[in-house]
C-alpha cells in the first residue's frame, strides 16, 4: 500500500485532499494509521508537493515520529521558503 504514495512522490504528482484522505482511511482500516511506514510517505508527499498544511496534518496525526518524519517536515518547510 505504501508504494502508491511513494510512486506519487517519485512522479511529482500532487495528491489532493480527497485522494490522501481515501488513502489514510484505507490504511486506518488495515490497522496502519499510526505506523511510520505509512505516515512518513504521506508527510513527504504533501511537503514535496507544497501542501504544507496537509503535511502538517499528517505529521501531527502521527503518534510515533522518527528522524525521517522530522527530516521530511523540516525539508518541506525549507524547500518552500519557510525554514
Protein backbone atom coordinates (compact mmCIF):
# COMPACT_ATOMS: atom_id res chain seq x y z
CA UNK A 1 0.00 0.00 0.00
CA UNK A 2 2.85 2.40 0.78
CA UNK A 3 4.11 2.09 -2.81
CA UNK A 4 1.10 4.14 -4.00
CA UNK A 5 2.30 7.14 -2.04
CA UNK A 6 5.94 6.52 -2.98
CA UNK A 7 5.05 6.49 -6.68
CA UNK A 8 3.08 9.74 -6.35
CA UNK A 9 6.16 11.36 -4.81
CA UNK A 10 8.55 9.84 -7.36
CA UNK A 11 6.43 11.09 -10.26
CA UNK A 12 5.97 14.51 -8.70
CA UNK A 13 2.21 14.16 -8.55
CA UNK A 14 0.25 16.27 -6.13
CA UNK A 15 -2.20 14.16 -4.21
CA UNK A 16 -5.33 16.15 -3.44
CA UNK A 17 -7.08 16.09 -0.07
CA UNK A 18 -9.74 13.62 -1.24
CA UNK A 19 -7.18 11.14 -2.53
CA UNK A 20 -4.92 11.42 0.50
CA UNK A 21 -7.96 11.17 2.78
CA UNK A 22 -9.01 7.99 1.00
CA UNK A 23 -5.50 6.58 1.42
CA UNK A 24 -5.47 7.47 5.11
CA UNK A 25 -8.86 5.81 5.61
CA UNK A 26 -7.68 2.71 3.75
CA UNK A 27 -4.56 2.47 5.91
CA UNK A 28 -6.64 3.08 9.05
CA UNK A 29 -8.96 0.20 8.22
CA UNK A 30 -5.93 -2.06 7.80
CA UNK A 31 -4.56 -1.01 11.20
CA UNK A 32 -1.62 1.02 9.91
CA UNK A 33 -2.93 4.52 10.68
CA UNK A 34 -0.16 5.43 13.12
CA UNK A 35 2.67 3.46 11.57
CA UNK A 36 5.73 5.44 10.46
CA UNK A 37 5.93 3.41 7.24
CA UNK A 38 2.61 5.00 6.26
CA UNK A 39 2.97 8.43 7.88
CA UNK A 40 6.42 9.21 6.50
CA UNK A 41 5.46 8.86 2.83
CA UNK A 42 2.30 10.94 3.45
CA UNK A 43 4.30 13.73 5.07
CA UNK A 44 6.91 13.55 2.30
CA UNK A 45 4.32 13.57 -0.48
CA UNK A 46 2.46 16.59 0.86
CA UNK A 47 5.61 18.52 1.80
CA UNK A 48 7.27 17.92 -1.58
CA UNK A 49 4.17 18.98 -3.48
CA UNK A 50 3.88 22.23 -1.49
CA UNK A 51 0.81 21.28 0.50
CA UNK A 52 2.44 22.08 3.84
CA UNK A 53 -0.86 22.28 5.70
CA UNK A 54 -1.68 18.71 4.71
CA UNK A 55 1.88 17.65 5.53
CA UNK A 56 1.50 19.19 8.98
CA UNK A 57 -1.83 17.39 9.50
CA UNK A 58 -0.24 14.05 8.59
CA UNK A 59 2.78 14.85 10.80
CA UNK A 60 0.76 15.95 13.81
CA UNK A 61 -1.56 12.96 13.48
CA UNK A 62 1.31 10.52 13.89
CA UNK A 63 1.82 9.07 17.35
CA UNK A 64 5.36 7.88 16.63
CA UNK A 65 7.80 10.02 14.67
CA UNK A 66 11.33 9.10 13.70
CA UNK A 67 14.23 11.04 12.21
CA UNK A 68 12.80 10.51 8.71
CA UNK A 69 9.49 12.04 9.76
CA UNK A 70 11.17 15.13 11.17
CA UNK A 71 13.50 15.43 8.19
CA UNK A 72 10.56 15.28 5.75
CA UNK A 73 8.72 18.04 7.60
CA UNK A 74 11.76 20.30 8.03
CA UNK A 75 12.83 19.76 4.41
CA UNK A 76 9.32 20.63 3.22
CA UNK A 77 9.34 23.91 5.13
CA UNK A 78 12.84 24.70 3.94
CA UNK A 79 12.15 23.80 0.31
CA UNK A 80 9.20 26.19 0.21
CA UNK A 81 10.98 29.09 1.92
CA UNK A 82 9.60 28.65 5.43
CA UNK A 83 12.60 27.18 7.20
